[in-house]
C-alpha cells in the first residue's frame, strides 16, 4: 500500500497484519523453535504499536508438497 505522505504515521487501528504461513502442519505449535520466537516478538511489537495481528495457515497442495525442497548440484 502506497502512503500519501511518509512523514505521517498511519492509523494502526485501520490495519490488520496477517502472518500467513504456507505449511501443512499445525501452527504455531509445529513451527521450528526460532520461528516461534521470531513470530512471538513480531506479534508483541505490532500489538504494542496498536495493530491487530492474526495468524493464518495456507494449506500446501499435496502435489507441491511432494516435490523436492532443495536444488540439484550442478
C-alpha atoms as a PDB file:
ATOM      1  CA  UNK A   1       0.000   0.000   0.000  1.00  0.00           C
ATOM      2  CA  UNK A   2       1.478   3.315  -1.042  1.00  0.00           C
ATOM      3  CA  UNK A   3       1.432   6.038   1.615  1.00  0.00           C
ATOM      4  CA  UNK A   4       0.470   9.544   0.521  1.00  0.00           C
ATOM      5  CA  UNK A   5       2.881  11.175   2.967  1.00  0.00           C
ATOM      6  CA  UNK A   6       5.675   9.125   4.533  1.00  0.00           C
ATOM      7  CA  UNK A   7       6.087  11.633   7.369  1.00  0.00           C
ATOM      8  CA  UNK A   8       2.569  10.999   8.673  1.00  0.00           C
ATOM      9  CA  UNK A   9       2.237   7.826  10.724  1.00  0.00           C
ATOM     10  CA  UNK A  10      -0.640   5.584   9.554  1.00  0.00           C
ATOM     11  CA  UNK A  11      -3.505   4.958  11.976  1.00  0.00           C
ATOM     12  CA  UNK A  12      -2.771   1.483  13.269  1.00  0.00           C
ATOM     13  CA  UNK A  13      -6.422   0.842  14.222  1.00  0.00           C
ATOM     14  CA  UNK A  14      -7.280   0.821  10.496  1.00  0.00           C
ATOM     15  CA  UNK A  15      -4.912  -2.059   9.695  1.00  0.00           C
ATOM     16  CA  UNK A  16      -4.673  -5.757  10.434  1.00  0.00           C
ATOM     17  CA  UNK A  17      -1.366  -7.547   9.903  1.00  0.00           C
ATOM     18  CA  UNK A  18      -1.771 -11.205   8.947  1.00  0.00           C
ATOM     19  CA  UNK A  19       1.124 -13.649   9.041  1.00  0.00           C
ATOM     20  CA  UNK A  20       0.113 -16.322   6.533  1.00  0.00           C
ATOM     21  CA  UNK A  21       2.346 -19.388   6.592  1.00  0.00           C
ATOM     22  CA  UNK A  22       2.176 -21.997   3.821  1.00  0.00           C
ATOM     23  CA  UNK A  23       2.538 -25.316   5.622  1.00  0.00           C
ATOM     24  CA  UNK A  24       0.527 -28.491   6.169  1.00  0.00           C
ATOM     25  CA  UNK A  25       1.276 -28.809   9.867  1.00  0.00           C
ATOM     26  CA  UNK A  26      -0.279 -27.187  12.902  1.00  0.00           C
ATOM     27  CA  UNK A  27       0.836 -23.608  13.534  1.00  0.00           C
ATOM     28  CA  UNK A  28       2.292 -22.171  15.669  1.00  0.00           C
ATOM     29  CA  UNK A  29       2.728 -25.412  17.644  1.00  0.00           C
ATOM     30  CA  UNK A  30       4.716 -27.274  14.942  1.00  0.00           C
ATOM     31  CA  UNK A  31       6.952 -24.385  13.803  1.00  0.00           C
ATOM     32  CA  UNK A  32      10.706 -24.596  14.406  1.00  0.00           C
ATOM     33  CA  UNK A  33      11.784 -23.042  17.720  1.00  0.00           C
ATOM     34  CA  UNK A  34      13.431 -19.898  16.357  1.00  0.00           C
ATOM     35  CA  UNK A  35      10.492 -19.288  14.009  1.00  0.00           C
ATOM     36  CA  UNK A  36       8.216 -19.325  17.061  1.00  0.00           C
ATOM     37  CA  UNK A  37      10.471 -16.861  18.872  1.00  0.00           C
ATOM     38  CA  UNK A  38      10.576 -14.517  15.868  1.00  0.00           C
ATOM     39  CA  UNK A  39       6.818 -14.736  15.366  1.00  0.00           C
ATOM     40  CA  UNK A  40       6.143 -14.057  19.054  1.00  0.00           C
ATOM     41  CA  UNK A  41       8.413 -10.999  19.035  1.00  0.00           C
ATOM     42  CA  UNK A  42       6.780  -9.658  15.860  1.00  0.00           C
ATOM     43  CA  UNK A  43       3.310 -10.099  17.388  1.00  0.00           C
ATOM     44  CA  UNK A  44       4.386  -8.368  20.587  1.00  0.00           C
ATOM     45  CA  UNK A  45       5.933  -5.412  18.728  1.00  0.00           C
ATOM     46  CA  UNK A  46       2.996  -4.905  16.359  1.00  0.00           C
ATOM     47  CA  UNK A  47       0.444  -5.169  19.166  1.00  0.00           C
ATOM     48  CA  UNK A  48       2.434  -2.614  21.180  1.00  0.00           C
ATOM     49  CA  UNK A  49       2.062  -0.304  18.164  1.00  0.00           C
ATOM     50  CA  UNK A  50      -1.711  -0.957  18.378  1.00  0.00           C
ATOM     51  CA  UNK A  51      -2.029  -3.068  15.223  1.00  0.00           C
ATOM     52  CA  UNK A  52      -4.375  -6.042  15.103  1.00  0.00           C
ATOM     53  CA  UNK A  53      -2.294  -9.135  14.351  1.00  0.00           C
ATOM     54  CA  UNK A  54      -3.516 -12.538  13.168  1.00  0.00           C
ATOM     55  CA  UNK A  55      -2.008 -15.838  12.134  1.00  0.00           C
ATOM     56  CA  UNK A  56      -3.259 -17.903   9.184  1.00  0.00           C
ATOM     57  CA  UNK A  57      -2.244 -21.220   7.692  1.00  0.00           C
ATOM     58  CA  UNK A  58      -2.216 -21.691   3.926  1.00  0.00           C
ATOM     59  CA  UNK A  59      -2.517 -25.383   3.177  1.00  0.00           C
ATOM     60  CA  UNK A  60       0.025 -26.569   0.621  1.00  0.00           C
ATOM     61  CA  UNK A  61      -1.263 -28.627  -2.312  1.00  0.00           C
ATOM     62  CA  UNK A  62      -0.301 -32.303  -1.888  1.00  0.00           C
ATOM     63  CA  UNK A  63       1.367 -32.401  -5.319  1.00  0.00           C
ATOM     64  CA  UNK A  64       3.568 -29.420  -4.479  1.00  0.00           C
ATOM     65  CA  UNK A  65       4.374 -30.783  -1.030  1.00  0.00           C
ATOM     66  CA  UNK A  66       5.818 -33.948  -2.622  1.00  0.00           C
ATOM     67  CA  UNK A  67       8.322 -32.057  -4.767  1.00  0.00           C
ATOM     68  CA  UNK A  68      11.922 -31.826  -3.658  1.00  0.00           C
ATOM     69  CA  UNK A  69      12.738 -28.874  -1.452  1.00  0.00           C
ATOM     70  CA  UNK A  70      16.360 -28.452  -2.477  1.00  0.00           C
ATOM     71  CA  UNK A  71      18.293 -27.606  -5.608  1.00  0.00           C
ATOM     72  CA  UNK A  72      20.315 -30.151  -7.517  1.00  0.00           C
ATOM     73  CA  UNK A  73      24.069 -29.547  -7.516  1.00  0.00           C
ATOM     74  CA  UNK A  74      25.393 -28.598 -10.941  1.00  0.00           C
END
